[in-house]
PDB file of N, CA and C in Angstrom:
ATOM      1  N   MET A   1      63.431  35.017  84.429  1.00  0.00           N
ATOM      2  CA  MET A   1      62.891  35.653  85.732  1.00  0.00           C
ATOM      3  C   MET A   1      62.311  34.846  86.496  1.00  0.00           C
ATOM      4  N   LEU A   2      61.289  34.091  86.083  1.00  0.00           N
ATOM      5  CA  LEU A   2      60.478  33.132  86.969  1.00  0.00           C
ATOM      6  C   LEU A   2      60.793  31.773  86.632  1.00  0.00           C
ATOM      7  N   ASP A   3      62.005  31.530  86.010  1.00  0.00           N
ATOM      8  CA  ASP A   3      62.471  30.079  85.712  1.00  0.00           C
ATOM      9  C   ASP A   3      62.660  29.281  86.882  1.00  0.00           C
ATOM     10  N   PHE A   4      62.770  29.662  88.060  1.00  0.00           N
ATOM     11  CA  PHE A   4      62.866  28.955  89.101  1.00  0.00           C
ATOM     12  C   PHE A   4      61.669  28.139  89.610  1.00  0.00           C
ATOM     13  N   LEU A   5      60.569  28.743  89.192  1.00  0.00           N
ATOM     14  CA  LEU A   5      59.184  28.133  89.447  1.00  0.00           C
ATOM     15  C   LEU A   5      58.851  26.816  88.601  1.00  0.00           C
ATOM     16  N   ILE A   6      59.392  26.846  87.522  1.00  0.00           N
ATOM     17  CA  ILE A   6      59.023  25.661  86.665  1.00  0.00           C
ATOM     18  C   ILE A   6      60.119  24.706  86.617  1.00  0.00           C
ATOM     19  N   SER A   7      60.245  23.529  87.053  1.00  0.00           N
ATOM     20  CA  SER A   7      61.352  22.625  86.956  1.00  0.00           C
ATOM     21  C   SER A   7      61.633  21.995  85.575  1.00  0.00           C
ATOM     22  N   PRO A   8      62.889  22.017  85.249  1.00  0.00           N
ATOM     23  CA  PRO A   8      63.142  21.562  83.837  1.00  0.00           C
ATOM     24  C   PRO A   8      62.705  20.257  83.426  1.00  0.00           C
ATOM     25  N   ALA A   9      62.495  19.336  84.272  1.00  0.00           N
ATOM     26  CA  ALA A   9      61.953  17.969  83.840  1.00  0.00           C
ATOM     27  C   ALA A   9      60.478  18.107  83.544  1.00  0.00           C
ATOM     28  N   PHE A  10      59.781  18.903  84.398  1.00  0.00           N
ATOM     29  CA  PHE A  10      58.309  18.998  83.841  1.00  0.00           C
ATOM     30  C   PHE A  10      58.253  19.752  82.567  1.00  0.00           C
ATOM     31  N   ALA A  11      58.945  20.830  82.419  1.00  0.00           N
ATOM     32  CA  ALA A  11      58.926  21.692  81.103  1.00  0.00           C
ATOM     33  C   ALA A  11      59.288  20.708  79.883  1.00  0.00           C
ATOM     34  N   GLN A  12      60.187  19.777  79.963  1.00  0.00           N
ATOM     35  CA  GLN A  12      60.672  18.906  78.784  1.00  0.00           C
ATOM     36  C   GLN A  12      59.556  17.824  78.617  1.00  0.00           C
ATOM     37  N   GLN A  13      58.812  17.422  79.642  1.00  0.00           N
ATOM     38  CA  GLN A  13      57.983  16.315  79.568  1.00  0.00           C
ATOM     39  C   GLN A  13      56.689  16.650  78.923  1.00  0.00           C
ATOM     40  N   ALA A  14      56.459  17.833  78.943  1.00  0.00           N
ATOM     41  CA  ALA A  14      54.962  18.390  78.462  1.00  0.00           C
ATOM     42  C   ALA A  14      54.853  18.062  76.943  1.00  0.00           C
ATOM     43  N   GLY A  15      55.705  18.074  76.117  1.00  0.00           N
ATOM     44  CA  GLY A  15      55.749  17.918  74.645  1.00  0.00           C
ATOM     45  C   GLY A  15      55.812  16.640  74.277  1.00  0.00           C
ATOM     46  N   ALA A  16      56.185  15.725  74.994  1.00  0.00           N
ATOM     47  CA  ALA A  16      56.399  14.202  74.650  1.00  0.00           C
ATOM     48  C   ALA A  16      55.255  13.376  75.032  1.00  0.00           C
ATOM     49  N   THR A  17      54.606  12.792  73.868  1.00  0.00           N
ATOM     50  CA  THR A  17      53.462  11.820  74.215  1.00  0.00           C
ATOM     51  C   THR A  17      53.714  10.695  73.176  1.00  0.00           C
ATOM     52  N   SER A  18      53.462   9.438  73.815  1.00  0.00           N
ATOM     53  CA  SER A  18      53.930   8.222  73.148  1.00  0.00           C
ATOM     54  C   SER A  18      52.594   7.529  72.795  1.00  0.00           C
ATOM     55  N   PRO A  19      52.513   6.684  71.772  1.00  0.00           N
ATOM     56  CA  PRO A  19      51.242   6.006  71.417  1.00  0.00           C
ATOM     57  C   PRO A  19      50.763   5.052  72.646  1.00  0.00           C
ATOM     58  N   GLN A  20      51.814   4.531  73.407  1.00  0.00           N
ATOM     59  CA  GLN A  20      51.533   3.870  74.523  1.00  0.00           C
ATOM     60  C   GLN A  20      50.796   4.634  75.630  1.00  0.00           C
ATOM     61  N   GLY A  21      51.345   5.728  75.806  1.00  0.00           N
ATOM     62  CA  GLY A  21      50.865   6.811  76.736  1.00  0.00           C
ATOM     63  C   GLY A  21      49.290   7.175  76.277  1.00  0.00           C
ATOM     64  N   LEU A  22      49.060   7.273  75.080  1.00  0.00           N
ATOM     65  CA  LEU A  22      47.496   7.455  74.786  1.00  0.00           C
ATOM     66  C   LEU A  22      46.792   6.283  74.798  1.00  0.00           C
ATOM     67  N   LEU A  23      47.297   5.224  74.678  1.00  0.00           N
ATOM     68  CA  LEU A  23      46.238   3.865  74.874  1.00  0.00           C
ATOM     69  C   LEU A  23      46.056   3.750  76.136  1.00  0.00           C
ATOM     70  N   SER A  24      47.265   4.112  77.072  1.00  0.00           N
ATOM     71  CA  SER A  24      46.861   3.912  78.483  1.00  0.00           C
ATOM     72  C   SER A  24      46.010   4.989  79.056  1.00  0.00           C
ATOM     73  N   ALA A  25      45.757   6.079  78.402  1.00  0.00           N
ATOM     74  CA  ALA A  25      44.971   7.223  78.958  1.00  0.00           C
ATOM     75  C   ALA A  25      43.452   6.830  78.461  1.00  0.00           C
ATOM     76  N   PHE A  26      43.326   6.175  77.392  1.00  0.00           N
ATOM     77  CA  PHE A  26      41.867   5.924  76.728  1.00  0.00           C
ATOM     78  C   PHE A  26      41.448   4.761  77.114  1.00  0.00           C
ATOM     79  N   TRP A  27      42.103   3.828  77.618  1.00  0.00           N
ATOM     80  CA  TRP A  27      41.659   2.270  77.869  1.00  0.00           C
ATOM     81  C   TRP A  27      40.445   2.279  78.830  1.00  0.00           C
ATOM     82  N   PRO A  28      40.362   3.026  79.766  1.00  0.00           N
ATOM     83  CA  PRO A  28      38.988   3.104  80.409  1.00  0.00           C
ATOM     84  C   PRO A  28      37.772   3.504  79.741  1.00  0.00           C
ATOM     85  N   LEU A  29      38.062   4.346  78.667  1.00  0.00           N
ATOM     86  CA  LEU A  29      37.045   4.767  77.849  1.00  0.00           C
ATOM     87  C   LEU A  29      36.560   3.560  76.819  1.00  0.00           C
ATOM     88  N   LEU A  30      37.607   2.990  76.154  1.00  0.00           N
ATOM     89  CA  LEU A  30      37.362   1.852  75.396  1.00  0.00           C
ATOM     90  C   LEU A  30      36.865   0.686  76.168  1.00  0.00           C
ATOM     91  N   VAL A  31      36.866   0.525  77.465  1.00  0.00           N
ATOM     92  CA  VAL A  31      36.157  -0.461  78.122  1.00  0.00           C
ATOM     93  C   VAL A  31      34.891  -0.122  78.584  1.00  0.00           C
ATOM     94  N   MET A  32      34.534   1.166  78.776  1.00  0.00           N
ATOM     95  CA  MET A  32      33.331   1.590  79.262  1.00  0.00           C
ATOM     96  C   MET A  32      32.183   1.575  78.074  1.00  0.00           C
ATOM     97  N   ILE A  33      32.607   1.923  76.844  1.00  0.00           N
ATOM     98  CA  ILE A  33      31.578   1.936  75.809  1.00  0.00           C
ATOM     99  C   ILE A  33      30.801   0.635  75.539  1.00  0.00           C
ATOM    100  N   PRO A  34      31.645  -0.663  75.382  1.00  0.00           N
ATOM    101  CA  PRO A  34      30.945  -1.697  75.502  1.00  0.00           C
ATOM    102  C   PRO A  34      29.987  -2.214  76.738  1.00  0.00           C
ATOM    103  N   LEU A  35      30.578  -1.675  77.673  1.00  0.00           N
ATOM    104  CA  LEU A  35      29.956  -2.104  78.950  1.00  0.00           C
ATOM    105  C   LEU A  35      28.489  -1.321  78.994  1.00  0.00           C
ATOM    106  N   PHE A  36      28.500   0.063  78.711  1.00  0.00           N
ATOM    107  CA  PHE A  36      27.293   0.738  78.626  1.00  0.00           C
ATOM    108  C   PHE A  36      26.400   0.196  77.563  1.00  0.00           C
ATOM    109  N   TYR A  37      26.812  -0.228  76.499  1.00  0.00           N
ATOM    110  CA  TYR A  37      26.043  -0.863  75.489  1.00  0.00           C
ATOM    111  C   TYR A  37      25.393  -2.090  75.967  1.00  0.00           C
ATOM    112  N   PHE A  38      25.968  -3.001  76.533  1.00  0.00           N
ATOM    113  CA  PHE A  38      25.529  -4.385  76.973  1.00  0.00           C
ATOM    114  C   PHE A  38      24.844  -4.252  78.349  1.00  0.00           C
ATOM    115  N   LEU A  39      24.960  -3.466  79.144  1.00  0.00           N
ATOM    116  CA  LEU A  39      24.245  -3.070  80.371  1.00  0.00           C
ATOM    117  C   LEU A  39      23.137  -2.043  80.421  1.00  0.00           C
ATOM    118  N   LEU A  40      23.165  -1.074  79.458  1.00  0.00           N
ATOM    119  CA  LEU A  40      22.022  -0.124  79.561  1.00  0.00           C
ATOM    120  C   LEU A  40      21.397   0.042  78.071  1.00  0.00           C
ATOM    121  N   ILE A  41      21.989   0.141  77.069  1.00  0.00           N
ATOM    122  CA  ILE A  41      21.451   0.409  75.873  1.00  0.00           C
ATOM    123  C   ILE A  41      20.545  -0.697  75.234  1.00  0.00           C
ATOM    124  N   ARG A  42      21.397  -1.918  75.156  1.00  0.00           N
ATOM    125  CA  ARG A  42      20.786  -3.249  74.630  1.00  0.00           C
ATOM    126  C   ARG A  42      19.488  -3.756  75.336  1.00  0.00           C
ATOM    127  N   PRO A  43      19.575  -3.771  76.598  1.00  0.00           N
ATOM    128  CA  PRO A  43      18.306  -4.097  77.360  1.00  0.00           C
ATOM    129  C   PRO A  43      17.185  -3.215  77.325  1.00  0.00           C
ATOM    130  N   GLN A  44      17.420  -1.907  77.131  1.00  0.00           N
ATOM    131  CA  GLN A  44      16.323  -0.942  77.225  1.00  0.00           C
ATOM    132  C   GLN A  44      15.753  -0.971  75.723  1.00  0.00           C
ATOM    133  N   SER A  45      16.524  -1.192  74.695  1.00  0.00           N
ATOM    134  CA  SER A  45      16.033  -1.289  73.181  1.00  0.00           C
ATOM    135  C   SER A  45      15.234  -2.619  73.129  1.00  0.00           C
ATOM    136  N   LYS A  46      15.737  -3.676  73.775  1.00  0.00           N
ATOM    137  CA  LYS A  46      14.932  -4.881  73.901  1.00  0.00           C
ATOM    138  C   LYS A  46      13.480  -4.833  74.468  1.00  0.00           C
ATOM    139  N   ARG A  47      13.656  -4.201  75.729  1.00  0.00           N
ATOM    140  CA  ARG A  47      12.192  -4.002  76.260  1.00  0.00           C
ATOM    141  C   ARG A  47      11.278  -3.120  75.441  1.00  0.00           C
ATOM    142  N   ALA A  48      11.841  -2.092  74.778  1.00  0.00           N
ATOM    143  CA  ALA A  48      10.921  -1.242  74.013  1.00  0.00           C
ATOM    144  C   ALA A  48      10.388  -2.052  72.780  1.00  0.00           C
ATOM    145  N   LYS A  49      11.121  -2.842  72.342  1.00  0.00           N
ATOM    146  CA  LYS A  49      10.677  -3.666  71.134  1.00  0.00           C
ATOM    147  C   LYS A  49       9.536  -4.656  71.627  1.00  0.00           C
ATOM    148  N   GLU A  50       9.765  -5.260  72.834  1.00  0.00           N
ATOM    149  CA  GLU A  50       8.786  -6.061  73.308  1.00  0.00           C
ATOM    150  C   GLU A  50       7.455  -5.552  73.581  1.00  0.00           C
ATOM    151  N   THR A  51       7.623  -4.299  74.135  1.00  0.00           N
ATOM    152  CA  THR A  51       6.330  -3.565  74.464  1.00  0.00           C
ATOM    153  C   THR A  51       5.776  -2.988  73.127  1.00  0.00           C
ATOM    154  N   ARG A  52       6.494  -2.703  72.128  1.00  0.00           N
ATOM    155  CA  ARG A  52       5.945  -2.099  70.847  1.00  0.00           C
ATOM    156  C   ARG A  52       5.215  -3.349  70.242  1.00  0.00           C
ATOM    157  N   ASP A  53       5.646  -4.485  70.150  1.00  0.00           N
ATOM    158  CA  ASP A  53       5.126  -5.875  69.767  1.00  0.00           C
ATOM    159  C   ASP A  53       3.858  -6.176  70.520  1.00  0.00           C
ATOM    160  N   MET A  54       3.807  -6.084  71.755  1.00  0.00           N
ATOM    161  CA  MET A  54       2.610  -6.270  72.662  1.00  0.00           C
ATOM    162  C   MET A  54       1.502  -5.455  72.228  1.00  0.00           C
ATOM    163  N   LEU A  55       1.759  -4.079  71.917  1.00  0.00           N
ATOM    164  CA  LEU A  55       0.701  -3.140  71.647  1.00  0.00           C
ATOM    165  C   LEU A  55       0.312  -3.243  70.296  1.00  0.00           C
ATOM    166  N   ALA A  56       1.080  -3.969  69.463  1.00  0.00           N
ATOM    167  CA  ALA A  56       0.527  -4.105  68.141  1.00  0.00           C
ATOM    168  C   ALA A  56      -0.279  -5.407  68.000  1.00  0.00           C
ATOM    169  N   LYS A  57      -0.049  -6.293  69.026  1.00  0.00           N
ATOM    170  CA  LYS A  57      -0.990  -7.325  68.765  1.00  0.00           C
ATOM    171  C   LYS A  57      -2.254  -7.533  69.743  1.00  0.00           C
ATOM    172  N   ILE A  58      -2.593  -6.397  70.445  1.00  0.00           N
ATOM    173  CA  ILE A  58      -3.615  -6.316  71.351  1.00  0.00           C
ATOM    174  C   ILE A  58      -4.991  -6.149  70.352  1.00  0.00           C
ATOM    175  N   ALA A  59      -5.959  -6.989  70.519  1.00  0.00           N
ATOM    176  CA  ALA A  59      -7.192  -7.037  69.829  1.00  0.00           C
ATOM    177  C   ALA A  59      -8.392  -6.871  70.693  1.00  0.00           C
ATOM    178  N   LYS A  60      -9.658  -6.826  70.023  1.00  0.00           N
ATOM    179  CA  LYS A  60     -10.725  -6.623  70.889  1.00  0.00           C
ATOM    180  C   LYS A  60     -10.991  -7.944  71.752  1.00  0.00           C
ATOM    181  N   GLY A  61     -11.483  -7.763  72.940  1.00  0.00           N
ATOM    182  CA  GLY A  61     -11.666  -8.924  73.683  1.00  0.00           C
ATOM    183  C   GLY A  61     -10.471  -9.022  74.598  1.00  0.00           C
ATOM    184  N   ASP A  62      -9.322  -8.608  74.369  1.00  0.00           N
ATOM    185  CA  ASP A  62      -8.193  -8.762  75.329  1.00  0.00           C
ATOM    186  C   ASP A  62      -8.307  -8.194  76.518  1.00  0.00           C
ATOM    187  N   GLU A  63      -7.868  -8.641  77.639  1.00  0.00           N
ATOM    188  CA  GLU A  63      -7.918  -8.091  79.145  1.00  0.00           C
ATOM    189  C   GLU A  63      -6.698  -7.507  79.217  1.00  0.00           C
ATOM    190  N   VAL A  64      -6.570  -6.071  79.467  1.00  0.00           N
ATOM    191  CA  VAL A  64      -5.368  -5.393  79.632  1.00  0.00           C
ATOM    192  C   VAL A  64      -5.355  -4.628  81.144  1.00  0.00           C
ATOM    193  N   ALA A  65      -4.011  -4.347  81.443  1.00  0.00           N
ATOM    194  CA  ALA A  65      -3.789  -3.426  82.682  1.00  0.00           C
ATOM    195  C   ALA A  65      -3.128  -2.022  82.170  1.00  0.00           C
ATOM    196  N   THR A  66      -3.592  -1.019  82.771  1.00  0.00           N
ATOM    197  CA  THR A  66      -2.886   0.201  82.461  1.00  0.00           C
ATOM    198  C   THR A  66      -2.062   0.757  83.548  1.00  0.00           C
ATOM    199  N   SER A  67      -1.152   1.621  83.105  1.00  0.00           N
ATOM    200  CA  SER A  67      -0.187   2.085  84.156  1.00  0.00           C
ATOM    201  C   SER A  67      -0.690   2.747  85.351  1.00  0.00           C
ATOM    202  N   GLY A  68      -1.972   3.252  85.313  1.00  0.00           N
ATOM    203  CA  GLY A  68      -2.606   3.698  86.539  1.00  0.00           C
ATOM    204  C   GLY A  68      -3.407   2.614  87.177  1.00  0.00           C
ATOM    205  N   GLY A  69      -3.232   1.285  86.941  1.00  0.00           N
ATOM    206  CA  GLY A  69      -3.649   0.354  87.650  1.00  0.00           C
ATOM    207  C   GLY A  69      -5.105  -0.201  87.423  1.00  0.00           C
ATOM    208  N   ILE A  70      -5.493   0.504  86.234  1.00  0.00           N
ATOM    209  CA  ILE A  70      -7.029   0.062  85.788  1.00  0.00           C
ATOM    210  C   ILE A  70      -6.853  -1.286  85.009  1.00  0.00           C
ATOM    211  N   ALA A  71      -7.760  -2.238  85.133  1.00  0.00           N
ATOM    212  CA  ALA A  71      -7.738  -3.516  84.319  1.00  0.00           C
ATOM    213  C   ALA A  71      -9.107  -3.435  83.689  1.00  0.00           C
ATOM    214  N   GLY A  72      -9.057  -3.943  82.497  1.00  0.00           N
ATOM    215  CA  GLY A  72     -10.426  -3.865  81.677  1.00  0.00           C
ATOM    216  C   GLY A  72     -10.256  -4.712  80.420  1.00  0.00           C
ATOM    217  N   LYS A  73     -11.468  -4.713  79.704  1.00  0.00           N
ATOM    218  CA  LYS A  73     -11.605  -5.578  78.573  1.00  0.00           C
ATOM    219  C   LYS A  73     -11.580  -4.477  77.261  1.00  0.00           C
ATOM    220  N   VAL A  74     -10.888  -4.940  76.294  1.00  0.00           N
ATOM    221  CA  VAL A  74     -10.716  -3.951  75.251  1.00  0.00           C
ATOM    222  C   VAL A  74     -11.996  -4.133  74.318  1.00  0.00           C
ATOM    223  N   VAL A  75     -12.689  -3.021  74.047  1.00  0.00           N
ATOM    224  CA  VAL A  75     -13.908  -3.129  73.243  1.00  0.00           C
ATOM    225  C   VAL A  75     -13.917  -2.239  72.028  1.00  0.00           C
ATOM    226  N   GLY A  76     -12.731  -1.348  71.906  1.00  0.00           N
ATOM    227  CA  GLY A  76     -12.598  -0.647  70.724  1.00  0.00           C
ATOM    228  C   GLY A  76     -11.095  -0.204  70.622  1.00  0.00           C
ATOM    229  N   LEU A  77     -10.666  -0.363  69.418  1.00  0.00           N
ATOM    230  CA  LEU A  77      -9.359   0.130  68.992  1.00  0.00           C
ATOM    231  C   LEU A  77      -9.023   1.278  68.058  1.00  0.00           C
ATOM    232  N   GLY A  78      -8.151   2.109  68.305  1.00  0.00           N
ATOM    233  CA  GLY A  78      -7.929   3.146  67.269  1.00  0.00           C
ATOM    234  C   GLY A  78      -6.568   3.232  67.002  1.00  0.00           C
ATOM    235  N   GLU A  79      -6.123   4.357  66.264  1.00  0.00           N
ATOM    236  CA  GLU A  79      -4.917   4.414  65.959  1.00  0.00           C
ATOM    237  C   GLU A  79      -3.758   4.786  67.291  1.00  0.00           C
ATOM    238  N   THR A  80      -4.185   5.728  68.107  1.00  0.00           N
ATOM    239  CA  THR A  80      -3.393   5.796  69.348  1.00  0.00           C
ATOM    240  C   THR A  80      -4.192   5.645  70.531  1.00  0.00           C
ATOM    241  N   TYR A  81      -5.558   5.581  70.507  1.00  0.00           N
ATOM    242  CA  TYR A  81      -6.375   5.273  71.742  1.00  0.00           C
ATOM    243  C   TYR A  81      -7.064   4.111  71.595  1.00  0.00           C
ATOM    244  N   MET A  82      -7.567   3.458  72.746  1.00  0.00           N
ATOM    245  CA  MET A  82      -8.264   2.233  72.778  1.00  0.00           C
ATOM    246  C   MET A  82      -9.326   2.457  73.889  1.00  0.00           C
ATOM    247  N   THR A  83     -10.543   1.919  73.575  1.00  0.00           N
ATOM    248  CA  THR A  83     -11.604   1.966  74.734  1.00  0.00           C
ATOM    249  C   THR A  83     -11.712   0.634  75.467  1.00  0.00           C
ATOM    250  N   VAL A  84     -11.530   0.832  76.906  1.00  0.00           N
ATOM    251  CA  VAL A  84     -11.540  -0.242  77.765  1.00  0.00           C
ATOM    252  C   VAL A  84     -12.796  -0.442  78.616  1.00  0.00           C
ATOM    253  N   GLU A  85     -13.379  -1.306  78.610  1.00  0.00           N
ATOM    254  CA  GLU A  85     -14.592  -1.658  79.498  1.00  0.00           C
ATOM    255  C   GLU A  85     -14.064  -1.983  81.025  1.00  0.00           C
ATOM    256  N   ILE A  86     -14.225  -1.198  81.948  1.00  0.00           N
ATOM    257  CA  ILE A  86     -13.821  -1.549  83.031  1.00  0.00           C
ATOM    258  C   ILE A  86     -14.831  -2.105  84.091  1.00  0.00           C
ATOM    259  N   ALA A  87     -16.121  -1.865  83.774  1.00  0.00           N
ATOM    260  CA  ALA A  87     -17.266  -2.613  84.421  1.00  0.00           C
ATOM    261  C   ALA A  87     -18.514  -2.571  83.421  1.00  0.00           C
ATOM    262  N   ASP A  88     -19.651  -3.169  83.849  1.00  0.00           N
ATOM    263  CA  ASP A  88     -20.779  -3.197  83.019  1.00  0.00           C
ATOM    264  C   ASP A  88     -21.034  -1.832  82.586  1.00  0.00           C
ATOM    265  N   ASN A  89     -21.086  -1.591  81.258  1.00  0.00           N
ATOM    266  CA  ASN A  89     -21.365  -0.400  80.493  1.00  0.00           C
ATOM    267  C   ASN A  89     -20.613   0.756  80.888  1.00  0.00           C
ATOM    268  N   VAL A  90     -19.272   0.573  81.482  1.00  0.00           N
ATOM    269  CA  VAL A  90     -18.513   1.689  81.822  1.00  0.00           C
ATOM    270  C   VAL A  90     -17.184   1.630  80.861  1.00  0.00           C
ATOM    271  N   HIS A  91     -17.217   2.637  80.103  1.00  0.00           N
ATOM    272  CA  HIS A  91     -16.058   2.514  78.932  1.00  0.00           C
ATOM    273  C   HIS A  91     -15.025   3.674  79.283  1.00  0.00           C
ATOM    274  N   VAL A  92     -13.879   3.422  79.142  1.00  0.00           N
ATOM    275  CA  VAL A  92     -12.915   4.300  79.375  1.00  0.00           C
ATOM    276  C   VAL A  92     -11.924   4.487  78.223  1.00  0.00           C
ATOM    277  N   LYS A  93     -11.640   5.515  77.653  1.00  0.00           N
ATOM    278  CA  LYS A  93     -10.710   5.700  76.470  1.00  0.00           C
ATOM    279  C   LYS A  93      -9.431   5.846  77.180  1.00  0.00           C
ATOM    280  N   VAL A  94      -8.353   5.113  76.770  1.00  0.00           N
ATOM    281  CA  VAL A  94      -7.009   5.350  77.139  1.00  0.00           C
ATOM    282  C   VAL A  94      -5.999   5.205  75.930  1.00  0.00           C
ATOM    283  N   GLN A  95      -4.987   5.857  76.134  1.00  0.00           N
ATOM    284  CA  GLN A  95      -3.955   5.622  75.173  1.00  0.00           C
ATOM    285  C   GLN A  95      -3.350   4.463  75.234  1.00  0.00           C
ATOM    286  N   LYS A  96      -2.879   4.065  73.996  1.00  0.00           N
ATOM    287  CA  LYS A  96      -2.068   2.725  73.860  1.00  0.00           C
ATOM    288  C   LYS A  96      -0.870   2.698  74.720  1.00  0.00           C
ATOM    289  N   SER A  97      -0.218   3.681  74.730  1.00  0.00           N
ATOM    290  CA  SER A  97       1.083   3.804  75.473  1.00  0.00           C
ATOM    291  C   SER A  97       0.873   3.568  76.982  1.00  0.00           C
ATOM    292  N   ALA A  98      -0.334   3.746  77.489  1.00  0.00           N
ATOM    293  CA  ALA A  98      -0.841   3.511  79.016  1.00  0.00           C
ATOM    294  C   ALA A  98      -0.758   2.217  79.108  1.00  0.00           C
ATOM    295  N   ILE A  99      -0.951   1.134  78.125  1.00  0.00           N
ATOM    296  CA  ILE A  99      -0.995  -0.153  78.607  1.00  0.00           C
ATOM    297  C   ILE A  99       0.198  -0.864  78.972  1.00  0.00           C
ATOM    298  N   THR A 100       0.213  -1.478  80.097  1.00  0.00           N
ATOM    299  CA  THR A 100       1.545  -1.923  80.659  1.00  0.00           C
ATOM    300  C   THR A 100       1.556  -3.433  80.653  1.00  0.00           C
ATOM    301  N   GLY A 101       0.465  -4.159  80.143  1.00  0.00           N
ATOM    302  CA  GLY A 101       0.288  -5.601  79.838  1.00  0.00           C
ATOM    303  C   GLY A 101      -0.923  -6.195  79.516  1.00  0.00           C
ATOM    304  N   VAL A 102      -0.919  -7.333  78.943  1.00  0.00           N
ATOM    305  CA  VAL A 102      -1.932  -7.973  78.488  1.00  0.00           C
ATOM    306  C   VAL A 102      -2.292  -9.054  79.632  1.00  0.00           C
ATOM    307  N   LEU A 103      -3.289  -9.233  80.085  1.00  0.00           N
ATOM    308  CA  LEU A 103      -3.717 -10.061  81.193  1.00  0.00           C
ATOM    309  C   LEU A 103      -4.196 -11.420  80.503  1.00  0.00           C
ATOM    310  N   PRO A 104      -3.959 -12.631  81.231  1.00  0.00           N
ATOM    311  CA  PRO A 104      -4.410 -13.931  80.683  1.00  0.00           C
ATOM    312  C   PRO A 104      -5.892 -13.867  80.570  1.00  0.00           C
ATOM    313  N   LYS A 105      -6.597 -14.527  79.584  1.00  0.00           N
ATOM    314  CA  LYS A 105      -8.218 -14.539  79.464  1.00  0.00           C
ATOM    315  C   LYS A 105      -8.769 -15.067  80.826  1.00  0.00           C
ATOM    316  N   GLY A 106      -9.878 -14.401  81.278  1.00  0.00           N
ATOM    317  CA  GLY A 106     -10.548 -14.731  82.306  1.00  0.00           C
ATOM    318  C   GLY A 106      -9.962 -14.311  83.751  1.00  0.00           C
ATOM    319  N   THR A 107      -8.954 -13.465  83.512  1.00  0.00           N
ATOM    320  CA  THR A 107      -8.531 -12.928  84.781  1.00  0.00           C
ATOM    321  C   THR A 107      -9.509 -11.938  85.585  1.00  0.00           C
ATOM    322  N   LEU A 108     -10.197 -11.262  84.866  1.00  0.00           N
ATOM    323  CA  LEU A 108     -11.135 -10.240  85.749  1.00  0.00           C
ATOM    324  C   LEU A 108     -12.372 -10.978  85.995  1.00  0.00           C
ATOM    325  N   LYS A 109     -12.831 -11.997  85.389  1.00  0.00           N
ATOM    326  CA  LYS A 109     -13.970 -12.732  85.728  1.00  0.00           C
ATOM    327  C   LYS A 109     -13.747 -13.422  87.166  1.00  0.00           C
ATOM    328  N   SER A 110     -12.625 -13.715  87.426  1.00  0.00           N
ATOM    329  CA  SER A 110     -12.118 -14.628  88.615  1.00  0.00           C
ATOM    330  C   SER A 110     -12.012 -13.647  89.935  1.00  0.00           C
ATOM    331  N   GLN A 111     -11.997 -12.518  89.660  1.00  0.00           N
ATOM    332  CA  GLN A 111     -11.831 -11.438  90.780  1.00  0.00           C
ATOM    333  C   GLN A 111     -13.264 -11.022  91.411  1.00  0.00           C
TER     334      GLN A 111
END
């Protein structure tokens, strides 16, 4: 009754899929997976490892900068927190994850 709406060529082609057709359909996906790995995942994991190593090497007397822009000298270390001296007799307790970098020795005295 409604056979005139569906062309015979389209109806016959629907069931036929070849291995080449599947490969040509998935090749963009096969290219994108390694691309995402090398451009996004690998650099992020490398950066996280460097940050983890930097935080593990912090010792008393190191000069550090926090994500809030505070720079100071480490006077106490704990499991997840550290005490940073930001001025004479002014101590601030910060999370280790807030530390963005270790400054070279003498950086704070030159300011």
